[in-house]
Amino acid sequence: MIKKYLIDLVVGSVLVVVLVQTLYIGPHPYEDILFVIGLTMFSVGLLTVSGAAKIFRGMGYVMKKIFTKKVDELSFYDYLLTREEKTEKIMGYPLLLAGITFIILSLTLAEKISELI
């Protein structure tokens, strides 16, 4: 879990640097982009940890029913039984913690900058 947390931090940090270099959003872009990246990671992590991602299974069933012939003879219940369970919660916790870390870092930087001004 610590390895995944560190990977999430590195990927988020690289994304922050790339966005700061490509976008100009004001005099203090690091705080804003850190907050947005942190909020996005937190939201995806919370969605994964809470198990709410299972609501998208119905959309997957409908898309497969429309565009493929794989589920023509299956009911939705049978489709759910054939799908394998994923351990989504395990990957959600590091993402959730990385998002909280970025949000706290953003708020801390914004506070320190406001003290200097």
PDB file of N, CA and C in Angstrom:
ATOM      1  N   MET A   1       0.824  -1.183   0.000  1.00  0.00           N
ATOM      2  CA  MET A   1       0.000   0.000   0.000  1.00  0.00           C
ATOM      3  C   MET A   1       0.874   1.254   0.000  1.00  0.00           C
ATOM      4  N   ILE A   2       1.990   1.208   0.704  1.00  0.00           N
ATOM      5  CA  ILE A   2       2.879   2.365   0.740  1.00  0.00           C
ATOM      6  C   ILE A   2       3.481   2.611  -0.639  1.00  0.00           C
ATOM      7  N   LYS A   3       3.794   1.537  -1.356  1.00  0.00           N
ATOM      8  CA  LYS A   3       4.347   1.676  -2.705  1.00  0.00           C
ATOM      9  C   LYS A   3       3.339   2.353  -3.630  1.00  0.00           C
ATOM     10  N   LYS A   4       2.073   1.944  -3.556  1.00  0.00           N
ATOM     11  CA  LYS A   4       1.043   2.558  -4.393  1.00  0.00           C
ATOM     12  C   LYS A   4       0.816   4.019  -4.005  1.00  0.00           C
ATOM     13  N   TYR A   5       0.899   4.308  -2.709  1.00  0.00           N
ATOM     14  CA  TYR A   5       0.760   5.689  -2.240  1.00  0.00           C
ATOM     15  C   TYR A   5       1.877   6.555  -2.800  1.00  0.00           C
ATOM     16  N   LEU A   6       3.099   6.060  -2.745  1.00  0.00           N
ATOM     17  CA  LEU A   6       4.238   6.818  -3.278  1.00  0.00           C
ATOM     18  C   LEU A   6       4.130   6.996  -4.793  1.00  0.00           C
ATOM     19  N   ILE A   7       3.656   5.957  -5.488  1.00  0.00           N
ATOM     20  CA  ILE A   7       3.460   6.063  -6.938  1.00  0.00           C
ATOM     21  C   ILE A   7       2.404   7.123  -7.248  1.00  0.00           C
ATOM     22  N   ASP A   8       1.313   7.142  -6.470  1.00  0.00           N
ATOM     23  CA  ASP A   8       0.273   8.157  -6.664  1.00  0.00           C
ATOM     24  C   ASP A   8       0.813   9.557  -6.414  1.00  0.00           C
ATOM     25  N   LEU A   9       1.665   9.703  -5.393  1.00  0.00           N
ATOM     26  CA  LEU A   9       2.259  11.009  -5.115  1.00  0.00           C
ATOM     27  C   LEU A   9       3.171  11.462  -6.250  1.00  0.00           C
ATOM     28  N   VAL A  10       3.969  10.544  -6.775  1.00  0.00           N
ATOM     29  CA  VAL A  10       4.882  10.891  -7.866  1.00  0.00           C
ATOM     30  C   VAL A  10       4.104  11.265  -9.126  1.00  0.00           C
ATOM     31  N   VAL A  11       3.100  10.465  -9.470  1.00  0.00           N
ATOM     32  CA  VAL A  11       2.293  10.751 -10.664  1.00  0.00           C
ATOM     33  C   VAL A  11       1.557  12.078 -10.503  1.00  0.00           C
ATOM     34  N   GLY A  12       0.994  12.320  -9.334  1.00  0.00           N
ATOM     35  CA  GLY A  12       0.319  13.591  -9.088  1.00  0.00           C
ATOM     36  C   GLY A  12       1.266  14.768  -9.154  1.00  0.00           C
ATOM     37  N   SER A  13       2.474  14.606  -8.614  1.00  0.00           N
ATOM     38  CA  SER A  13       3.464  15.683  -8.648  1.00  0.00           C
ATOM     39  C   SER A  13       3.906  15.995 -10.072  1.00  0.00           C
ATOM     40  N   VAL A  14       4.113  14.957 -10.857  1.00  0.00           N
ATOM     41  CA  VAL A  14       4.482  15.165 -12.264  1.00  0.00           C
ATOM     42  C   VAL A  14       3.354  15.879 -12.996  1.00  0.00           C
ATOM     43  N   LEU A  15       2.130  15.488 -12.718  1.00  0.00           N
ATOM     44  CA  LEU A  15       0.983  16.135 -13.345  1.00  0.00           C
ATOM     45  C   LEU A  15       0.889  17.603 -12.941  1.00  0.00           C
ATOM     46  N   VAL A  16       1.169  17.898 -11.681  1.00  0.00           N
ATOM     47  CA  VAL A  16       1.159  19.294 -11.221  1.00  0.00           C
ATOM     48  C   VAL A  16       2.210  20.107 -11.963  1.00  0.00           C
ATOM     49  N   VAL A  17       3.424  19.588 -12.068  1.00  0.00           N
ATOM     50  CA  VAL A  17       4.505  20.309 -12.746  1.00  0.00           C
ATOM     51  C   VAL A  17       4.166  20.539 -14.220  1.00  0.00           C
ATOM     52  N   VAL A  18       3.631  19.524 -14.864  1.00  0.00           N
ATOM     53  CA  VAL A  18       3.282  19.657 -16.285  1.00  0.00           C
ATOM     54  C   VAL A  18       2.184  20.698 -16.469  1.00  0.00           C
ATOM     55  N   LEU A  19       1.171  20.665 -15.613  1.00  0.00           N
ATOM     56  CA  LEU A  19       0.080  21.635 -15.748  1.00  0.00           C
ATOM     57  C   LEU A  19       0.535  23.051 -15.439  1.00  0.00           C
ATOM     58  N   VAL A  20       1.417  23.210 -14.462  1.00  0.00           N
ATOM     59  CA  VAL A  20       1.916  24.555 -14.149  1.00  0.00           C
ATOM     60  C   VAL A  20       2.737  25.098 -15.313  1.00  0.00           C
ATOM     61  N   GLN A  21       3.504  24.229 -15.969  1.00  0.00           N
ATOM     62  CA  GLN A  21       4.329  24.677 -17.086  1.00  0.00           C
ATOM     63  C   GLN A  21       3.508  24.993 -18.333  1.00  0.00           C
ATOM     64  N   THR A  22       2.381  24.300 -18.512  1.00  0.00           N
ATOM     65  CA  THR A  22       1.596  24.501 -19.731  1.00  0.00           C
ATOM     66  C   THR A  22       0.483  25.535 -19.576  1.00  0.00           C
ATOM     67  N   LEU A  23      -0.024  25.718 -18.372  1.00  0.00           N
ATOM     68  CA  LEU A  23      -1.127  26.652 -18.145  1.00  0.00           C
ATOM     69  C   LEU A  23      -0.645  27.849 -17.344  1.00  0.00           C
ATOM     70  N   TYR A  24      -1.227  28.989 -17.625  1.00  0.00           N
ATOM     71  CA  TYR A  24      -0.982  30.147 -16.774  1.00  0.00           C
ATOM     72  C   TYR A  24      -2.325  30.518 -16.174  1.00  0.00           C
ATOM     73  N   ILE A  25      -2.440  30.377 -14.857  1.00  0.00           N
ATOM     74  CA  ILE A  25      -3.730  30.648 -14.226  1.00  0.00           C
ATOM     75  C   ILE A  25      -3.648  31.727 -13.152  1.00  0.00           C
ATOM     76  N   GLY A  26      -2.526  32.401 -13.056  1.00  0.00           N
ATOM     77  CA  GLY A  26      -2.432  33.479 -12.080  1.00  0.00           C
ATOM     78  C   GLY A  26      -1.067  33.531 -11.428  1.00  0.00           C
ATOM     79  N   PRO A  27      -0.952  34.378 -10.416  1.00  0.00           N
ATOM     80  CA  PRO A  27       0.354  34.568  -9.785  1.00  0.00           C
ATOM     81  C   PRO A  27       0.812  33.390  -8.913  1.00  0.00           C
ATOM     82  N   HIS A  28      -0.093  32.590  -8.419  1.00  0.00           N
ATOM     83  CA  HIS A  28       0.255  31.457  -7.554  1.00  0.00           C
ATOM     84  C   HIS A  28      -0.388  30.179  -8.087  1.00  0.00           C
ATOM     85  N   PRO A  29       0.144  29.647  -9.176  1.00  0.00           N
ATOM     86  CA  PRO A  29      -0.535  28.512  -9.806  1.00  0.00           C
ATOM     87  C   PRO A  29      -0.364  27.188  -9.052  1.00  0.00           C
ATOM     88  N   TYR A  30       0.698  27.054  -8.280  1.00  0.00           N
ATOM     89  CA  TYR A  30       0.939  25.776  -7.619  1.00  0.00           C
ATOM     90  C   TYR A  30      -0.162  25.419  -6.630  1.00  0.00           C
ATOM     91  N   GLU A  31      -0.633  26.389  -5.870  1.00  0.00           N
ATOM     92  CA  GLU A  31      -1.678  26.107  -4.886  1.00  0.00           C
ATOM     93  C   GLU A  31      -2.970  25.669  -5.570  1.00  0.00           C
ATOM     94  N   ASP A  32      -3.313  26.379  -6.639  1.00  0.00           N
ATOM     95  CA  ASP A  32      -4.562  26.065  -7.333  1.00  0.00           C
ATOM     96  C   ASP A  32      -4.510  24.686  -7.992  1.00  0.00           C
ATOM     97  N   ILE A  33      -3.429  24.412  -8.686  1.00  0.00           N
ATOM     98  CA  ILE A  33      -3.331  23.131  -9.385  1.00  0.00           C
ATOM     99  C   ILE A  33      -3.170  21.985  -8.398  1.00  0.00           C
ATOM    100  N   LEU A  34      -2.430  22.200  -7.304  1.00  0.00           N
ATOM    101  CA  LEU A  34      -2.332  21.171  -6.263  1.00  0.00           C
ATOM    102  C   LEU A  34      -3.712  20.844  -5.697  1.00  0.00           C
ATOM    103  N   PHE A  35      -4.519  21.882  -5.482  1.00  0.00           N
ATOM    104  CA  PHE A  35      -5.851  21.662  -4.931  1.00  0.00           C
ATOM    105  C   PHE A  35      -6.741  20.893  -5.903  1.00  0.00           C
ATOM    106  N   VAL A  36      -6.687  21.262  -7.168  1.00  0.00           N
ATOM    107  CA  VAL A  36      -7.527  20.584  -8.168  1.00  0.00           C
ATOM    108  C   VAL A  36      -7.110  19.124  -8.337  1.00  0.00           C
ATOM    109  N   ILE A  37      -5.810  18.876  -8.426  1.00  0.00           N
ATOM    110  CA  ILE A  37      -5.321  17.506  -8.549  1.00  0.00           C
ATOM    111  C   ILE A  37      -5.667  16.701  -7.293  1.00  0.00           C
ATOM    112  N   GLY A  38      -5.487  17.317  -6.126  1.00  0.00           N
ATOM    113  CA  GLY A  38      -5.820  16.645  -4.871  1.00  0.00           C
ATOM    114  C   GLY A  38      -7.294  16.328  -4.761  1.00  0.00           C
ATOM    115  N   LEU A  39      -8.135  17.263  -5.157  1.00  0.00           N
ATOM    116  CA  LEU A  39      -9.577  17.037  -5.107  1.00  0.00           C
ATOM    117  C   LEU A  39      -9.999  15.936  -6.076  1.00  0.00           C
ATOM    118  N   THR A  40      -9.399  15.901  -7.247  1.00  0.00           N
ATOM    119  CA  THR A  40      -9.710  14.855  -8.223  1.00  0.00           C
ATOM    120  C   THR A  40      -9.275  13.486  -7.706  1.00  0.00           C
ATOM    121  N   MET A  41      -8.063  13.400  -7.174  1.00  0.00           N
ATOM    122  CA  MET A  41      -7.583  12.123  -6.643  1.00  0.00           C
ATOM    123  C   MET A  41      -8.421  11.675  -5.446  1.00  0.00           C
ATOM    124  N   PHE A  42      -8.782  12.624  -4.584  1.00  0.00           N
ATOM    125  CA  PHE A  42      -9.614  12.309  -3.431  1.00  0.00           C
ATOM    126  C   PHE A  42     -10.978  11.787  -3.867  1.00  0.00           C
ATOM    127  N   SER A  43     -11.568  12.425  -4.865  1.00  0.00           N
ATOM    128  CA  SER A  43     -12.896  12.019  -5.340  1.00  0.00           C
ATOM    129  C   SER A  43     -12.872  10.614  -5.934  1.00  0.00           C
ATOM    130  N   VAL A  44     -11.875  10.332  -6.771  1.00  0.00           N
ATOM    131  CA  VAL A  44     -11.763   9.001  -7.373  1.00  0.00           C
ATOM    132  C   VAL A  44     -11.474   7.951  -6.304  1.00  0.00           C
ATOM    133  N   GLY A  45     -10.613   8.284  -5.347  1.00  0.00           N
ATOM    134  CA  GLY A  45     -10.322   7.359  -4.255  1.00  0.00           C
ATOM    135  C   GLY A  45     -11.541   7.084  -3.403  1.00  0.00           C
ATOM    136  N   LEU A  46     -12.312   8.123  -3.101  1.00  0.00           N
ATOM    137  CA  LEU A  46     -13.529   7.952  -2.300  1.00  0.00           C
ATOM    138  C   LEU A  46     -14.564   7.121  -3.043  1.00  0.00           C
ATOM    139  N   LEU A  47     -14.689   7.353  -4.331  1.00  0.00           N
ATOM    140  CA  LEU A  47     -15.611   6.566  -5.150  1.00  0.00           C
ATOM    141  C   LEU A  47     -15.216   5.097  -5.147  1.00  0.00           C
ATOM    142  N   THR A  48     -13.925   4.834  -5.214  1.00  0.00           N
ATOM    143  CA  THR A  48     -13.433   3.458  -5.242  1.00  0.00           C
ATOM    144  C   THR A  48     -13.572   2.788  -3.881  1.00  0.00           C
ATOM    145  N   VAL A  49     -13.198   3.490  -2.822  1.00  0.00           N
ATOM    146  CA  VAL A  49     -13.233   2.912  -1.479  1.00  0.00           C
ATOM    147  C   VAL A  49     -14.662   2.633  -1.036  1.00  0.00           C
ATOM    148  N   SER A  50     -15.568   3.523  -1.362  1.00  0.00           N
ATOM    149  CA  SER A  50     -16.954   3.349  -0.913  1.00  0.00           C
ATOM    150  C   SER A  50     -17.697   2.269  -1.686  1.00  0.00           C
ATOM    151  N   GLY A  51     -17.140   1.801  -2.782  1.00  0.00           N
ATOM    152  CA  GLY A  51     -17.804   0.775  -3.570  1.00  0.00           C
ATOM    153  C   GLY A  51     -18.858   1.341  -4.502  1.00  0.00           C
ATOM    154  N   ALA A  52     -18.913   2.641  -4.621  1.00  0.00           N
ATOM    155  CA  ALA A  52     -19.913   3.276  -5.475  1.00  0.00           C
ATOM    156  C   ALA A  52     -19.608   3.072  -6.955  1.00  0.00           C
ATOM    157  N   ALA A  53     -18.418   2.606  -7.269  1.00  0.00           N
ATOM    158  CA  ALA A  53     -18.077   2.370  -8.670  1.00  0.00           C
ATOM    159  C   ALA A  53     -18.896   1.228  -9.259  1.00  0.00           C
ATOM    160  N   LYS A  54     -19.526   0.442  -8.404  1.00  0.00           N
ATOM    161  CA  LYS A  54     -20.346  -0.668  -8.895  1.00  0.00           C
ATOM    162  C   LYS A  54     -21.595  -0.188  -9.629  1.00  0.00           C
ATOM    163  N   ILE A  55     -21.945   1.085  -9.443  1.00  0.00           N
ATOM    164  CA  ILE A  55     -23.126   1.580 -10.139  1.00  0.00           C
ATOM    165  C   ILE A  55     -22.902   1.674 -11.637  1.00  0.00           C
ATOM    166  N   PHE A  56     -21.638   1.677 -12.058  1.00  0.00           N
ATOM    167  CA  PHE A  56     -21.340   1.767 -13.480  1.00  0.00           C
ATOM    168  C   PHE A  56     -21.434   0.411 -14.180  1.00  0.00           C
ATOM    169  N   ARG A  57     -21.669  -0.655 -13.434  1.00  0.00           N
ATOM    170  CA  ARG A  57     -21.797  -1.973 -14.056  1.00  0.00           C
ATOM    171  C   ARG A  57     -23.025  -2.052 -14.949  1.00  0.00           C
ATOM    172  N   GLY A  58     -24.084  -1.374 -14.562  1.00  0.00           N
ATOM    173  CA  GLY A  58     -25.288  -1.357 -15.390  1.00  0.00           C
ATOM    174  C   GLY A  58     -25.046  -0.679 -16.720  1.00  0.00           C
ATOM    175  N   MET A  59     -24.267   0.391 -16.686  1.00  0.00           N
ATOM    176  CA  MET A  59     -23.933   1.075 -17.938  1.00  0.00           C
ATOM    177  C   MET A  59     -23.076   0.178 -18.823  1.00  0.00           C
ATOM    178  N   GLY A  60     -22.159  -0.566 -18.217  1.00  0.00           N
ATOM    179  CA  GLY A  60     -21.328  -1.498 -18.981  1.00  0.00           C
ATOM    180  C   GLY A  60     -22.158  -2.584 -19.626  1.00  0.00           C
ATOM    181  N   TYR A  61     -23.164  -3.076 -18.886  1.00  0.00           N
ATOM    182  CA  TYR A  61     -24.047  -4.113 -19.428  1.00  0.00           C
ATOM    183  C   TYR A  61     -24.836  -3.583 -20.617  1.00  0.00           C
ATOM    184  N   VAL A  62     -25.365  -2.387 -20.494  1.00  0.00           N
ATOM    185  CA  VAL A  62     -26.153  -1.799 -21.580  1.00  0.00           C
ATOM    186  C   VAL A  62     -25.276  -1.567 -22.811  1.00  0.00           C
ATOM    187  N   MET A  63     -24.054  -1.067 -22.613  1.00  0.00           N
ATOM    188  CA  MET A  63     -23.157  -0.833 -23.745  1.00  0.00           C
ATOM    189  C   MET A  63     -22.783  -2.140 -24.441  1.00  0.00           C
ATOM    190  N   LYS A  64     -22.533  -3.184 -23.655  1.00  0.00           N
ATOM    191  CA  LYS A  64     -22.213  -4.473 -24.269  1.00  0.00           C
ATOM    192  C   LYS A  64     -23.422  -5.051 -24.980  1.00  0.00           C
ATOM    193  N   LYS A  65     -24.593  -4.832 -24.430  1.00  0.00           N
ATOM    194  CA  LYS A  65     -25.815  -5.338 -25.052  1.00  0.00           C
ATOM    195  C   LYS A  65     -26.077  -4.634 -26.386  1.00  0.00           C
ATOM    196  N   ILE A  66     -25.765  -3.346 -26.452  1.00  0.00           N
ATOM    197  CA  ILE A  66     -25.995  -2.588 -27.677  1.00  0.00           C
ATOM    198  C   ILE A  66     -24.940  -2.887 -28.731  1.00  0.00           C
ATOM    199  N   PHE A  67     -23.673  -2.891 -28.337  1.00  0.00           N
ATOM    200  CA  PHE A  67     -22.589  -2.917 -29.310  1.00  0.00           C
ATOM    201  C   PHE A  67     -21.958  -4.286 -29.557  1.00  0.00           C
ATOM    202  N   THR A  68     -22.222  -5.286 -28.726  1.00  0.00           N
ATOM    203  CA  THR A  68     -21.644  -6.611 -28.947  1.00  0.00           C
ATOM    204  C   THR A  68     -22.717  -7.675 -28.839  1.00  0.00           C
ATOM    205  N   LYS A  69     -22.357  -8.864 -29.207  1.00  0.00           N
ATOM    206  CA  LYS A  69     -23.289  -9.987 -29.116  1.00  0.00           C
ATOM    207  C   LYS A  69     -22.980 -10.881 -27.913  1.00  0.00           C
ATOM    208  N   LYS A  70     -22.035 -10.457 -27.055  1.00  0.00           N
ATOM    209  CA  LYS A  70     -21.592 -11.293 -25.945  1.00  0.00           C
ATOM    210  C   LYS A  70     -22.664 -11.507 -24.887  1.00  0.00           C
ATOM    211  N   VAL A  71     -23.532 -10.541 -24.676  1.00  0.00           N
ATOM    212  CA  VAL A  71     -24.494 -10.633 -23.586  1.00  0.00           C
ATOM    213  C   VAL A  71     -25.937 -10.717 -24.069  1.00  0.00           C
ATOM    214  N   ASP A  72     -26.150 -11.102 -25.309  1.00  0.00           N
ATOM    215  CA  ASP A  72     -27.515 -11.166 -25.826  1.00  0.00           C
ATOM    216  C   ASP A  72     -28.383 -12.152 -25.063  1.00  0.00           C
ATOM    217  N   GLU A  73     -27.811 -13.276 -24.683  1.00  0.00           N
ATOM    218  CA  GLU A  73     -28.618 -14.295 -24.012  1.00  0.00           C
ATOM    219  C   GLU A  73     -28.569 -14.178 -22.491  1.00  0.00           C
ATOM    220  N   LEU A  74     -27.801 -13.240 -21.961  1.00  0.00           N
ATOM    221  CA  LEU A  74     -27.661 -13.094 -20.517  1.00  0.00           C
ATOM    222  C   LEU A  74     -28.584 -12.011 -19.976  1.00  0.00           C
ATOM    223  N   SER A  75     -29.169 -12.286 -18.811  1.00  0.00           N
ATOM    224  CA  SER A  75     -29.874 -11.225 -18.099  1.00  0.00           C
ATOM    225  C   SER A  75     -28.842 -10.416 -17.318  1.00  0.00           C
ATOM    226  N   PHE A  76     -29.262  -9.305 -16.748  1.00  0.00           N
ATOM    227  CA  PHE A  76     -28.327  -8.472 -16.003  1.00  0.00           C
ATOM    228  C   PHE A  76     -27.780  -9.219 -14.791  1.00  0.00           C
ATOM    229  N   TYR A  77     -28.622  -9.981 -14.126  1.00  0.00           N
ATOM    230  CA  TYR A  77     -28.185 -10.759 -12.972  1.00  0.00           C
ATOM    231  C   TYR A  77     -27.137 -11.793 -13.381  1.00  0.00           C
ATOM    232  N   ASP A  78     -27.373 -12.473 -14.493  1.00  0.00           N
ATOM    233  CA  ASP A  78     -26.386 -13.440 -14.977  1.00  0.00           C
ATOM    234  C   ASP A  78     -25.089 -12.751 -15.390  1.00  0.00           C
ATOM    235  N   TYR A  79     -25.212 -11.572 -15.962  1.00  0.00           N
ATOM    236  CA  TYR A  79     -24.035 -10.801 -16.335  1.00  0.00           C
ATOM    237  C   TYR A  79     -23.198 -10.454 -15.100  1.00  0.00           C
ATOM    238  N   LEU A  80     -23.869 -10.050 -14.023  1.00  0.00           N
ATOM    239  CA  LEU A  80     -23.148  -9.732 -12.785  1.00  0.00           C
ATOM    240  C   LEU A  80     -22.470 -10.963 -12.195  1.00  0.00           C
ATOM    241  N   LEU A  81     -23.103 -12.115 -12.333  1.00  0.00           N
ATOM    242  CA  LEU A  81     -22.499 -13.335 -11.806  1.00  0.00           C
ATOM    243  C   LEU A  81     -21.266 -13.745 -12.600  1.00  0.00           C
ATOM    244  N   THR A  82     -21.224 -13.430 -13.887  1.00  0.00           N
ATOM    245  CA  THR A  82     -20.077 -13.822 -14.702  1.00  0.00           C
ATOM    246  C   THR A  82     -18.885 -12.886 -14.526  1.00  0.00           C
ATOM    247  N   ARG A  83     -19.145 -11.682 -14.055  1.00  0.00           N
ATOM    248  CA  ARG A  83     -18.040 -10.734 -13.851  1.00  0.00           C
ATOM    249  C   ARG A  83     -17.265 -11.111 -12.601  1.00  0.00           C
ATOM    250  N   GLU A  84     -15.951 -11.001 -12.694  1.00  0.00           N
ATOM    251  CA  GLU A  84     -15.123 -11.304 -11.534  1.00  0.00           C
ATOM    252  C   GLU A  84     -15.049 -10.086 -10.626  1.00  0.00           C
ATOM    253  N   GLU A  85     -14.971 -10.351  -9.347  1.00  0.00           N
ATOM    254  CA  GLU A  85     -14.852  -9.277  -8.369  1.00  0.00           C
ATOM    255  C   GLU A  85     -13.428  -8.736  -8.367  1.00  0.00           C
ATOM    256  N   LYS A  86     -13.303  -7.437  -8.363  1.00  0.00           N
ATOM    257  CA  LYS A  86     -11.996  -6.799  -8.321  1.00  0.00           C
ATOM    258  C   LYS A  86     -11.770  -6.252  -6.918  1.00  0.00           C
ATOM    259  N   THR A  87     -10.536  -6.171  -6.553  1.00  0.00           N
ATOM    260  CA  THR A  87     -10.188  -5.591  -5.256  1.00  0.00           C
ATOM    261  C   THR A  87      -9.939  -4.103  -5.445  1.00  0.00           C
ATOM    262  N   GLU A  88     -11.011  -3.376  -5.728  1.00  0.00           N
ATOM    263  CA  GLU A  88     -10.897  -1.954  -6.003  1.00  0.00           C
ATOM    264  C   GLU A  88     -10.601  -1.157  -4.744  1.00  0.00           C
ATOM    265  N   LYS A  89     -11.089  -1.620  -3.601  1.00  0.00           N
ATOM    266  CA  LYS A  89     -10.904  -0.860  -2.376  1.00  0.00           C
ATOM    267  C   LYS A  89      -9.439  -0.749  -2.002  1.00  0.00           C
ATOM    268  N   ILE A  90      -8.659  -1.765  -2.302  1.00  0.00           N
ATOM    269  CA  ILE A  90      -7.250  -1.744  -1.934  1.00  0.00           C
ATOM    270  C   ILE A  90      -6.521  -0.636  -2.687  1.00  0.00           C
ATOM    271  N   MET A  91      -6.835  -0.449  -3.959  1.00  0.00           N
ATOM    272  CA  MET A  91      -6.161   0.607  -4.709  1.00  0.00           C
ATOM    273  C   MET A  91      -6.769   1.971  -4.423  1.00  0.00           C
ATOM    274  N   GLY A  92      -7.924   2.028  -3.819  1.00  0.00           N
ATOM    275  CA  GLY A  92      -8.571   3.299  -3.536  1.00  0.00           C
ATOM    276  C   GLY A  92      -7.998   4.028  -2.344  1.00  0.00           C
ATOM    277  N   TYR A  93      -7.536   3.293  -1.331  1.00  0.00           N
ATOM    278  CA  TYR A  93      -7.002   3.937  -0.132  1.00  0.00           C
ATOM    279  C   TYR A  93      -5.758   4.769  -0.403  1.00  0.00           C
ATOM    280  N   PRO A  94      -4.760   4.264  -1.149  1.00  0.00           N
ATOM    281  CA  PRO A  94      -3.614   5.131  -1.438  1.00  0.00           C
ATOM    282  C   PRO A  94      -3.985   6.369  -2.258  1.00  0.00           C
ATOM    283  N   LEU A  95      -4.927   6.216  -3.169  1.00  0.00           N
ATOM    284  CA  LEU A  95      -5.374   7.351  -3.975  1.00  0.00           C
ATOM    285  C   LEU A  95      -6.093   8.376  -3.100  1.00  0.00           C
ATOM    286  N   LEU A  96      -6.895   7.901  -2.170  1.00  0.00           N
ATOM    287  CA  LEU A  96      -7.600   8.763  -1.235  1.00  0.00           C
ATOM    288  C   LEU A  96      -6.607   9.525  -0.358  1.00  0.00           C
ATOM    289  N   LEU A  97      -5.606   8.827   0.165  1.00  0.00           N
ATOM    290  CA  LEU A  97      -4.602   9.468   1.019  1.00  0.00           C
ATOM    291  C   LEU A  97      -3.730  10.443   0.234  1.00  0.00           C
ATOM    292  N   ALA A  98      -3.392  10.107  -1.007  1.00  0.00           N
ATOM    293  CA  ALA A  98      -2.606  11.023  -1.835  1.00  0.00           C
ATOM    294  C   ALA A  98      -3.403  12.290  -2.131  1.00  0.00           C
ATOM    295  N   GLY A  99      -4.687  12.143  -2.372  1.00  0.00           N
ATOM    296  CA  GLY A  99      -5.536  13.315  -2.604  1.00  0.00           C
ATOM    297  C   GLY A  99      -5.600  14.214  -1.384  1.00  0.00           C
ATOM    298  N   ILE A 100      -5.734  13.610  -0.200  1.00  0.00           N
ATOM    299  CA  ILE A 100      -5.746  14.395   1.039  1.00  0.00           C
ATOM    300  C   ILE A 100      -4.406  15.102   1.230  1.00  0.00           C
ATOM    301  N   THR A 101      -3.314  14.411   0.902  1.00  0.00           N
ATOM    302  CA  THR A 101      -1.981  15.011   1.025  1.00  0.00           C
ATOM    303  C   THR A 101      -1.844  16.232   0.126  1.00  0.00           C
ATOM    304  N   PHE A 102      -2.294  16.124  -1.117  1.00  0.00           N
ATOM    305  CA  PHE A 102      -2.202  17.264  -2.035  1.00  0.00           C
ATOM    306  C   PHE A 102      -3.087  18.427  -1.576  1.00  0.00           C
ATOM    307  N   ILE A 103      -4.266  18.134  -1.055  1.00  0.00           N
ATOM    308  CA  ILE A 103      -5.154  19.199  -0.580  1.00  0.00           C
ATOM    309  C   ILE A 103      -4.532  19.914   0.620  1.00  0.00           C
ATOM    310  N   ILE A 104      -3.982  19.156   1.563  1.00  0.00           N
ATOM    311  CA  ILE A 104      -3.346  19.763   2.736  1.00  0.00           C
ATOM    312  C   ILE A 104      -2.129  20.584   2.318  1.00  0.00           C
ATOM    313  N   LEU A 105      -1.344  20.060   1.382  1.00  0.00           N
ATOM    314  CA  LEU A 105      -0.183  20.798   0.887  1.00  0.00           C
ATOM    315  C   LEU A 105      -0.608  22.096   0.204  1.00  0.00           C
ATOM    316  N   SER A 106      -1.672  22.045  -0.557  1.00  0.00           N
ATOM    317  CA  SER A 106      -2.182  23.242  -1.234  1.00  0.00           C
ATOM    318  C   SER A 106      -2.643  24.287  -0.226  1.00  0.00           C
ATOM    319  N   LEU A 107      -3.385  23.864   0.777  1.00  0.00           N
ATOM    320  CA  LEU A 107      -3.879  24.805   1.780  1.00  0.00           C
ATOM    321  C   LEU A 107      -2.731  25.390   2.604  1.00  0.00           C
ATOM    322  N   THR A 108      -1.734  24.571   2.894  1.00  0.00           N
ATOM    323  CA  THR A 108      -0.576  25.048   3.647  1.00  0.00           C
ATOM    324  C   THR A 108       0.215  26.077   2.843  1.00  0.00           C
ATOM    325  N   LEU A 109       0.444  25.788   1.563  1.00  0.00           N
ATOM    326  CA  LEU A 109       1.158  26.745   0.719  1.00  0.00           C
ATOM    327  C   LEU A 109       0.383  28.050   0.578  1.00  0.00           C
ATOM    328  N   ALA A 110      -0.918  27.966   0.425  1.00  0.00           N
ATOM    329  CA  ALA A 110      -1.730  29.166   0.281  1.00  0.00           C
ATOM    330  C   ALA A 110      -1.690  30.000   1.561  1.00  0.00           C
ATOM    331  N   GLU A 111      -1.675  29.344   2.713  1.00  0.00           N
ATOM    332  CA  GLU A 111      -1.610  30.061   3.979  1.00  0.00           C
ATOM    333  C   GLU A 111      -0.257  30.756   4.161  1.00  0.00           C
ATOM    334  N   LYS A 112       0.813  30.051   3.816  1.00  0.00           N
ATOM    335  CA  LYS A 112       2.152  30.629   3.949  1.00  0.00           C
ATOM    336  C   LYS A 112       2.341  31.822   3.017  1.00  0.00           C
ATOM    337  N   ILE A 113       1.798  31.726   1.807  1.00  0.00           N
ATOM    338  CA  ILE A 113       1.912  32.829   0.855  1.00  0.00           C
ATOM    339  C   ILE A 113       1.081  34.026   1.321  1.00  0.00           C
ATOM    340  N   SER A 114      -0.093  33.760   1.902  1.00  0.00           N
ATOM    341  CA  SER A 114      -0.919  34.865   2.371  1.00  0.00           C
ATOM    342  C   SER A 114      -0.275  35.567   3.573  1.00  0.00           C
ATOM    343  N   GLU A 115       0.526  34.845   4.354  1.00  0.00           N
ATOM    344  CA  GLU A 115       1.243  35.482   5.463  1.00  0.00           C
ATOM    345  C   GLU A 115       2.357  36.382   4.955  1.00  0.00           C
ATOM    346  N   LEU A 116       2.961  35.997   3.839  1.00  0.00           N
ATOM    347  CA  LEU A 116       4.062  36.783   3.282  1.00  0.00           C
ATOM    348  C   LEU A 116       3.589  38.068   2.621  1.00  0.00           C
ATOM    349  N   ILE A 117       2.373  38.048   2.130  1.00  0.00           N
ATOM    350  CA  ILE A 117       1.861  39.216   1.382  1.00  0.00           C
ATOM    351  C   ILE A 117       1.265  40.232   2.301  1.00  0.00           C
TER     352      ILE A 117
END
